[in-house]
Amino acid sequence: MHAPRRRVGAEQPGIVGCGPRHGRRRSPRARHHRPHRTRQPPLHLGQRLVQRGRHATKATAAARIEGLGPYDAGVVTFLSPAWVAELDAAAQAAPELTDVLGSGEELVVQHVVTDDAGDERAAFHLRLGAGACRAHPGHADEPTVTFTQTEATARQISQGTLGAQAAFMSGHLRLGGRVDVLLTHHAALSGISDVFAVVRERTDW
C-alpha cells in the first residue's frame, strides 16, 4: 500500500508558516517586569533656576566683576542679605551706573518693605554718585528718597510685572524725601532695572 498523500497547505505543527497560527506553537514567555521607579517630586522654582544656572545662561555669562570672578550661579531669596549682596555685585559690574549722576552729588534711594499690617520686614538702599553704584542692606543714615511698599508690591515691581509709577498712582507705593532730586535724575536712573535683570533670574521669589 502507498502512504496517503498529504494535502498542500494542511496544518502541520512544527513548520513555520503553515496553519492559522503559522505552525509552531510557542510557549508563553515570562512577562518582563520593569523595575519600579520612584516618582520624583516636581522641582520648585528655586531648583529649576539652579539647573538653568548650571548652563550658560545670562546669569553666568552676563557680567564679570573685576577681581571677584564671574557671577555665582546660585539662587538667592528675595530681600535676603544675600540678595542685596547680589544687587551690589551687579551694580558694581555695570559701567553705566558709574558716576551716573555726572554732577558730583550723591543720591541715596532707600527701600522699606512691610507686611500687610505695616510692620517692617526688610530694608535696603542704593547709593549712586561718584564711583560705582552700591547696594547695602538696612537703612541709610541720610536717604535722599525713601520708597515704602508691602512685600507683595515690592515683589511685583522687582519682577517687572508692576511699574513703580503705576504702584505710586494706585497708592501701593509711598514716596518720601527729596522728590525733586529724584525727578531731576530720573533719566539717568531709568536703566537700573536692566542692570539688575541678571539678579532677577536667580531670585527665589
C-alpha atoms as a PDB file:
ATOM      1  CA  MET A   1       0.000   0.000   0.000  1.00  0.00           C
ATOM      2  CA  HIS A   2       1.059   3.516  -0.676  1.00  0.00           C
ATOM      3  CA  ALA A   3       1.138   6.101   2.112  1.00  0.00           C
ATOM      4  CA  PRO A   4      -1.665   8.646   1.768  1.00  0.00           C
ATOM      5  CA  ARG A   5      -0.593  11.895   0.233  1.00  0.00           C
ATOM      6  CA  ARG A   6      -0.690  14.978   2.398  1.00  0.00           C
ATOM      7  CA  ARG A   7      -2.637  17.925   1.094  1.00  0.00           C
ATOM      8  CA  VAL A   8      -0.677  21.110   0.375  1.00  0.00           C
ATOM      9  CA  GLY A   9      -1.450  23.739   2.990  1.00  0.00           C
ATOM     10  CA  ALA A  10      -2.642  21.279   5.598  1.00  0.00           C
ATOM     11  CA  GLU A  11      -1.787  22.321   9.112  1.00  0.00           C
ATOM     12  CA  GLN A  12       1.440  20.685  10.193  1.00  0.00           C
ATOM     13  CA  PRO A  13       2.570  21.537  13.705  1.00  0.00           C
ATOM     14  CA  GLY A  14       6.204  22.434  13.910  1.00  0.00           C
ATOM     15  CA  ILE A  15       6.524  24.004  10.448  1.00  0.00           C
ATOM     16  CA  VAL A  16       6.692  27.802  10.456  1.00  0.00           C
ATOM     17  CA  GLY A  17       4.233  29.390   8.071  1.00  0.00           C
ATOM     18  CA  CYS A  18       1.636  26.638   7.998  1.00  0.00           C
ATOM     19  CA  GLY A  19      -1.787  26.779   9.536  1.00  0.00           C
ATOM     20  CA  PRO A  20      -3.757  29.564  11.134  1.00  0.00           C
ATOM     21  CA  ARG A  21      -1.122  30.088  13.864  1.00  0.00           C
ATOM     22  CA  HIS A  22       1.781  29.813  11.420  1.00  0.00           C
ATOM     23  CA  GLY A  23       2.809  26.380  12.544  1.00  0.00           C
ATOM     24  CA  ARG A  24       4.888  26.109  15.710  1.00  0.00           C
ATOM     25  CA  ARG A  25       3.150  26.702  18.957  1.00  0.00           C
ATOM     26  CA  ARG A  26       5.211  28.989  21.075  1.00  0.00           C
ATOM     27  CA  SER A  27       5.288  28.541  24.796  1.00  0.00           C
ATOM     28  CA  PRO A  28       4.117  31.583  26.671  1.00  0.00           C
ATOM     29  CA  ARG A  29       7.015  33.785  27.622  1.00  0.00           C
ATOM     30  CA  ALA A  30       7.517  35.062  31.106  1.00  0.00           C
ATOM     31  CA  ARG A  31       6.359  38.632  31.369  1.00  0.00           C
ATOM     32  CA  HIS A  32       9.162  41.115  31.708  1.00  0.00           C
ATOM     33  CA  HIS A  33       8.797  43.061  34.903  1.00  0.00           C
ATOM     34  CA  ARG A  34      10.190  46.554  34.798  1.00  0.00           C
ATOM     35  CA  PRO A  35      11.790  47.790  37.987  1.00  0.00           C
ATOM     36  CA  HIS A  36       9.586  50.131  39.929  1.00  0.00           C
ATOM     37  CA  ARG A  37      10.743  53.697  39.688  1.00  0.00           C
ATOM     38  CA  THR A  38      10.025  56.112  42.462  1.00  0.00           C
ATOM     39  CA  ARG A  39       8.381  59.196  41.082  1.00  0.00           C
ATOM     40  CA  GLN A  40      10.376  62.276  41.935  1.00  0.00           C
ATOM     41  CA  PRO A  41       8.506  65.326  43.234  1.00  0.00           C
ATOM     42  CA  PRO A  42       8.377  68.308  40.872  1.00  0.00           C
ATOM     43  CA  LEU A  43      11.168  70.848  41.191  1.00  0.00           C
ATOM     44  CA  HIS A  44      10.252  74.131  42.798  1.00  0.00           C
ATOM     45  CA  LEU A  45      11.200  77.429  41.190  1.00  0.00           C
ATOM     46  CA  GLY A  46      14.496  77.763  43.021  1.00  0.00           C
ATOM     47  CA  GLN A  47      15.673  74.305  41.951  1.00  0.00           C
ATOM     48  CA  ARG A  48      14.729  74.995  38.327  1.00  0.00           C
ATOM     49  CA  LEU A  49      16.713  78.196  38.389  1.00  0.00           C
ATOM     50  CA  VAL A  50      19.711  76.382  39.828  1.00  0.00           C
ATOM     51  CA  GLN A  51      19.575  73.915  36.954  1.00  0.00           C
ATOM     52  CA  ARG A  52      19.323  76.766  34.491  1.00  0.00           C
ATOM     53  CA  GLY A  53      22.218  78.473  36.181  1.00  0.00           C
ATOM     54  CA  ARG A  54      24.458  75.431  35.685  1.00  0.00           C
ATOM     55  CA  HIS A  55      24.284  76.012  31.959  1.00  0.00           C
ATOM     56  CA  ALA A  56      25.425  79.073  30.054  1.00  0.00           C
ATOM     57  CA  THR A  57      22.607  81.455  30.964  1.00  0.00           C
ATOM     58  CA  LYS A  58      22.691  85.186  31.260  1.00  0.00           C
ATOM     59  CA  ALA A  59      23.438  84.771  34.942  1.00  0.00           C
ATOM     60  CA  THR A  60      26.789  83.131  34.251  1.00  0.00           C
ATOM     61  CA  ALA A  61      27.693  84.880  31.016  1.00  0.00           C
ATOM     62  CA  ALA A  62      26.467  88.415  31.618  1.00  0.00           C
ATOM     63  CA  ALA A  63      28.991  90.362  33.686  1.00  0.00           C
ATOM     64  CA  ARG A  64      32.304  89.667  35.362  1.00  0.00           C
ATOM     65  CA  ILE A  65      33.143  91.634  38.478  1.00  0.00           C
ATOM     66  CA  GLU A  66      36.704  92.904  38.363  1.00  0.00           C
ATOM     67  CA  GLY A  67      38.748  90.989  40.922  1.00  0.00           C
ATOM     68  CA  LEU A  68      35.810  88.857  42.061  1.00  0.00           C
ATOM     69  CA  GLY A  69      35.444  86.454  39.122  1.00  0.00           C
ATOM     70  CA  PRO A  70      32.194  85.520  37.350  1.00  0.00           C
ATOM     71  CA  TYR A  71      28.772  85.598  38.909  1.00  0.00           C
ATOM     72  CA  ASP A  72      27.835  82.653  41.068  1.00  0.00           C
ATOM     73  CA  ALA A  73      25.020  80.559  39.593  1.00  0.00           C
ATOM     74  CA  GLY A  74      23.288  80.052  42.949  1.00  0.00           C
ATOM     75  CA  VAL A  75      19.794  81.144  43.877  1.00  0.00           C
ATOM     76  CA  VAL A  76      19.152  83.858  46.447  1.00  0.00           C
ATOM     77  CA  THR A  77      15.976  84.568  48.407  1.00  0.00           C
ATOM     78  CA  PHE A  78      14.178  87.807  47.690  1.00  0.00           C
ATOM     79  CA  LEU A  79      15.042  90.609  50.169  1.00  0.00           C
ATOM     80  CA  SER A  80      17.615  88.471  51.997  1.00  0.00           C
ATOM     81  CA  PRO A  81      21.111  89.868  52.748  1.00  0.00           C
ATOM     82  CA  ALA A  82      22.471  87.541  50.049  1.00  0.00           C
ATOM     83  CA  TRP A  83      20.009  89.038  47.559  1.00  0.00           C
ATOM     84  CA  VAL A  84      21.137  92.581  48.419  1.00  0.00           C
ATOM     85  CA  ALA A  85      24.747  91.421  48.021  1.00  0.00           C
ATOM     86  CA  GLU A  86      23.875  90.218  44.502  1.00  0.00           C
ATOM     87  CA  LEU A  87      22.371  93.634  43.744  1.00  0.00           C
ATOM     88  CA  ASP A  88      25.601  95.206  44.947  1.00  0.00           C
ATOM     89  CA  ALA A  89      27.715  92.907  42.767  1.00  0.00           C
ATOM     90  CA  ALA A  90      25.598  93.619  39.684  1.00  0.00           C
ATOM     91  CA  ALA A  91      25.696  97.374  40.339  1.00  0.00           C
ATOM     92  CA  GLN A  92      29.483  97.400  40.671  1.00  0.00           C
ATOM     93  CA  ALA A  93      29.823  95.416  37.444  1.00  0.00           C
ATOM     94  CA  ALA A  94      27.719  97.917  35.465  1.00  0.00           C
ATOM     95  CA  PRO A  95      29.837 100.732  33.991  1.00  0.00           C
ATOM     96  CA  GLU A  96      26.674 102.613  33.024  1.00  0.00           C
ATOM     97  CA  LEU A  97      25.981 103.207  36.732  1.00  0.00           C
ATOM     98  CA  THR A  98      29.461 104.583  37.458  1.00  0.00           C
ATOM     99  CA  ASP A  99      29.290 108.359  38.006  1.00  0.00           C
ATOM    100  CA  VAL A 100      25.739 108.091  36.702  1.00  0.00           C
ATOM    101  CA  LEU A 101      24.682 111.499  38.063  1.00  0.00           C
ATOM    102  CA  GLY A 102      27.579 113.313  36.425  1.00  0.00           C
ATOM    103  CA  SER A 103      27.292 116.271  38.784  1.00  0.00           C
ATOM    104  CA  GLY A 104      29.437 115.218  41.728  1.00  0.00           C
ATOM    105  CA  GLU A 105      26.439 114.857  44.036  1.00  0.00           C
ATOM    106  CA  GLU A 106      25.164 111.705  45.695  1.00  0.00           C
ATOM    107  CA  LEU A 107      21.724 110.126  45.541  1.00  0.00           C
ATOM    108  CA  VAL A 108      20.661 107.553  48.131  1.00  0.00           C
ATOM    109  CA  VAL A 109      17.499 105.630  47.254  1.00  0.00           C
ATOM    110  CA  GLN A 110      16.103 103.678  50.189  1.00  0.00           C
ATOM    111  CA  HIS A 111      13.513 100.886  50.010  1.00  0.00           C
ATOM    112  CA  VAL A 112      11.461  99.859  53.035  1.00  0.00           C
ATOM    113  CA  VAL A 113       9.332  96.720  52.731  1.00  0.00           C
ATOM    114  CA  THR A 114       6.478  95.989  55.127  1.00  0.00           C
ATOM    115  CA  ASP A 115       3.863  93.321  55.680  1.00  0.00           C
ATOM    116  CA  ASP A 116       0.174  93.989  55.111  1.00  0.00           C
ATOM    117  CA  ALA A 117      -0.163  95.323  58.672  1.00  0.00           C
ATOM    118  CA  GLY A 118       2.545  97.923  58.078  1.00  0.00           C
ATOM    119  CA  ASP A 119       5.285  96.285  60.145  1.00  0.00           C
ATOM    120  CA  GLU A 120       8.720  96.477  58.565  1.00  0.00           C
ATOM    121  CA  ARG A 121      10.051  93.262  57.032  1.00  0.00           C
ATOM    122  CA  ALA A 122      13.215  94.429  55.259  1.00  0.00           C
ATOM    123  CA  ALA A 123      15.125  97.497  54.125  1.00  0.00           C
ATOM    124  CA  PHE A 124      17.962  98.212  51.719  1.00  0.00           C
ATOM    125  CA  HIS A 125      19.331 101.221  49.883  1.00  0.00           C
ATOM    126  CA  LEU A 126      21.194 102.125  46.711  1.00  0.00           C
ATOM    127  CA  ARG A 127      23.956 104.720  46.779  1.00  0.00           C
ATOM    128  CA  LEU A 128      24.695 106.469  43.478  1.00  0.00           C
ATOM    129  CA  GLY A 129      27.212 109.203  42.814  1.00  0.00           C
ATOM    130  CA  ALA A 130      30.959 109.349  42.404  1.00  0.00           C
ATOM    131  CA  GLY A 131      32.345 105.906  41.577  1.00  0.00           C
ATOM    132  CA  ALA A 132      30.369 102.701  41.233  1.00  0.00           C
ATOM    133  CA  CYS A 133      26.775 102.279  42.362  1.00  0.00           C
ATOM    134  CA  ARG A 134      26.472 100.270  45.573  1.00  0.00           C
ATOM    135  CA  ALA A 135      23.631  98.406  47.288  1.00  0.00           C
ATOM    136  CA  HIS A 136      23.580  97.922  51.061  1.00  0.00           C
ATOM    137  CA  PRO A 137      21.183  96.151  53.447  1.00  0.00           C
ATOM    138  CA  GLY A 138      19.365  98.118  56.133  1.00  0.00           C
ATOM    139  CA  HIS A 139      18.567 101.802  56.454  1.00  0.00           C
ATOM    140  CA  ALA A 140      20.755 104.617  55.157  1.00  0.00           C
ATOM    141  CA  ASP A 141      21.883 107.359  57.521  1.00  0.00           C
ATOM    142  CA  GLU A 142      20.594 110.142  55.281  1.00  0.00           C
ATOM    143  CA  PRO A 143      18.472 108.808  52.408  1.00  0.00           C
ATOM    144  CA  THR A 144      17.613 111.203  49.619  1.00  0.00           C
ATOM    145  CA  VAL A 145      14.303 109.462  48.931  1.00  0.00           C
ATOM    146  CA  THR A 146      12.519 106.523  50.541  1.00  0.00           C
ATOM    147  CA  PHE A 147      10.134 104.121  48.830  1.00  0.00           C
ATOM    148  CA  THR A 148       7.796 102.250  51.182  1.00  0.00           C
ATOM    149  CA  GLN A 149       5.746  99.299  49.966  1.00  0.00           C
ATOM    150  CA  THR A 150       4.379  95.938  51.038  1.00  0.00           C
ATOM    151  CA  GLU A 151       6.290  92.778  50.250  1.00  0.00           C
ATOM    152  CA  ALA A 152       3.770  91.824  47.562  1.00  0.00           C
ATOM    153  CA  THR A 153       4.176  95.198  45.835  1.00  0.00           C
ATOM    154  CA  ALA A 154       7.971  95.072  46.132  1.00  0.00           C
ATOM    155  CA  ARG A 155       7.973  91.600  44.579  1.00  0.00           C
ATOM    156  CA  GLN A 156       5.842  92.720  41.629  1.00  0.00           C
ATOM    157  CA  ILE A 157       7.996  95.784  40.995  1.00  0.00           C
ATOM    158  CA  SER A 158      11.213  93.759  41.225  1.00  0.00           C
ATOM    159  CA  GLN A 159       9.832  91.109  38.865  1.00  0.00           C
ATOM    160  CA  GLY A 160       8.825  93.783  36.382  1.00  0.00           C
ATOM    161  CA  THR A 161       5.119  92.922  36.452  1.00  0.00           C
ATOM    162  CA  LEU A 162       4.177  96.256  38.065  1.00  0.00           C
ATOM    163  CA  GLY A 163       5.658  99.639  37.261  1.00  0.00           C
ATOM    164  CA  ALA A 164       6.749 101.915  40.095  1.00  0.00           C
ATOM    165  CA  GLN A 165       4.697 104.790  38.685  1.00  0.00           C
ATOM    166  CA  ALA A 166       1.560 102.639  38.482  1.00  0.00           C
ATOM    167  CA  ALA A 167       2.130 101.415  42.052  1.00  0.00           C
ATOM    168  CA  PHE A 168       2.548 105.018  43.228  1.00  0.00           C
ATOM    169  CA  MET A 169      -0.593 106.218  41.454  1.00  0.00           C
ATOM    170  CA  SER A 170      -2.626 103.351  42.948  1.00  0.00           C
ATOM    171  CA  GLY A 171      -1.368 104.057  46.474  1.00  0.00           C
ATOM    172  CA  HIS A 172       0.639 100.850  46.828  1.00  0.00           C
ATOM    173  CA  LEU A 173       3.978 102.694  46.793  1.00  0.00           C
ATOM    174  CA  ARG A 174       4.673 105.636  49.094  1.00  0.00           C
ATOM    175  CA  LEU A 175       7.440 108.115  48.359  1.00  0.00           C
ATOM    176  CA  GLY A 176       9.157 110.391  50.876  1.00  0.00           C
ATOM    177  CA  GLY A 177      12.138 112.724  50.953  1.00  0.00           C
ATOM    178  CA  ARG A 178      13.604 114.872  48.168  1.00  0.00           C
ATOM    179  CA  VAL A 179      11.270 114.002  45.351  1.00  0.00           C
ATOM    180  CA  ASP A 180      12.576 116.959  43.343  1.00  0.00           C
ATOM    181  CA  VAL A 181      16.100 115.472  43.312  1.00  0.00           C
ATOM    182  CA  LEU A 182      14.719 112.122  42.186  1.00  0.00           C
ATOM    183  CA  LEU A 183      12.839 113.756  39.313  1.00  0.00           C
ATOM    184  CA  THR A 184      15.955 115.669  38.269  1.00  0.00           C
ATOM    185  CA  HIS A 185      17.907 112.442  37.815  1.00  0.00           C
ATOM    186  CA  HIS A 186      15.018 110.315  36.552  1.00  0.00           C
ATOM    187  CA  ALA A 187      16.521 109.843  33.073  1.00  0.00           C
ATOM    188  CA  ALA A 188      19.894 108.762  34.486  1.00  0.00           C
ATOM    189  CA  LEU A 189      18.235 106.171  36.725  1.00  0.00           C
ATOM    190  CA  SER A 190      15.979 104.640  34.071  1.00  0.00           C
ATOM    191  CA  GLY A 191      18.471 101.853  33.255  1.00  0.00           C
ATOM    192  CA  ILE A 192      18.810 100.445  36.769  1.00  0.00           C
ATOM    193  CA  SER A 193      16.156  97.786  36.170  1.00  0.00           C
ATOM    194  CA  ASP A 194      18.113  96.381  33.210  1.00  0.00           C
ATOM    195  CA  VAL A 195      21.280  96.152  35.308  1.00  0.00           C
ATOM    196  CA  PHE A 196      19.513  94.036  37.910  1.00  0.00           C
ATOM    197  CA  ALA A 197      17.908  91.676  35.363  1.00  0.00           C
ATOM    198  CA  VAL A 198      20.712  89.165  35.950  1.00  0.00           C
ATOM    199  CA  VAL A 199      19.758  89.045  39.649  1.00  0.00           C
ATOM    200  CA  ARG A 200      16.057  88.600  38.892  1.00  0.00           C
ATOM    201  CA  GLU A 201      16.803  85.391  37.013  1.00  0.00           C
ATOM    202  CA  ARG A 202      18.413  83.856  40.103  1.00  0.00           C
ATOM    203  CA  THR A 203      15.924  85.082  42.699  1.00  0.00           C
ATOM    204  CA  ASP A 204      13.697  82.709  44.627  1.00  0.00           C
ATOM    205  CA  TRP A 205      10.572  84.794  44.965  1.00  0.00           C
END
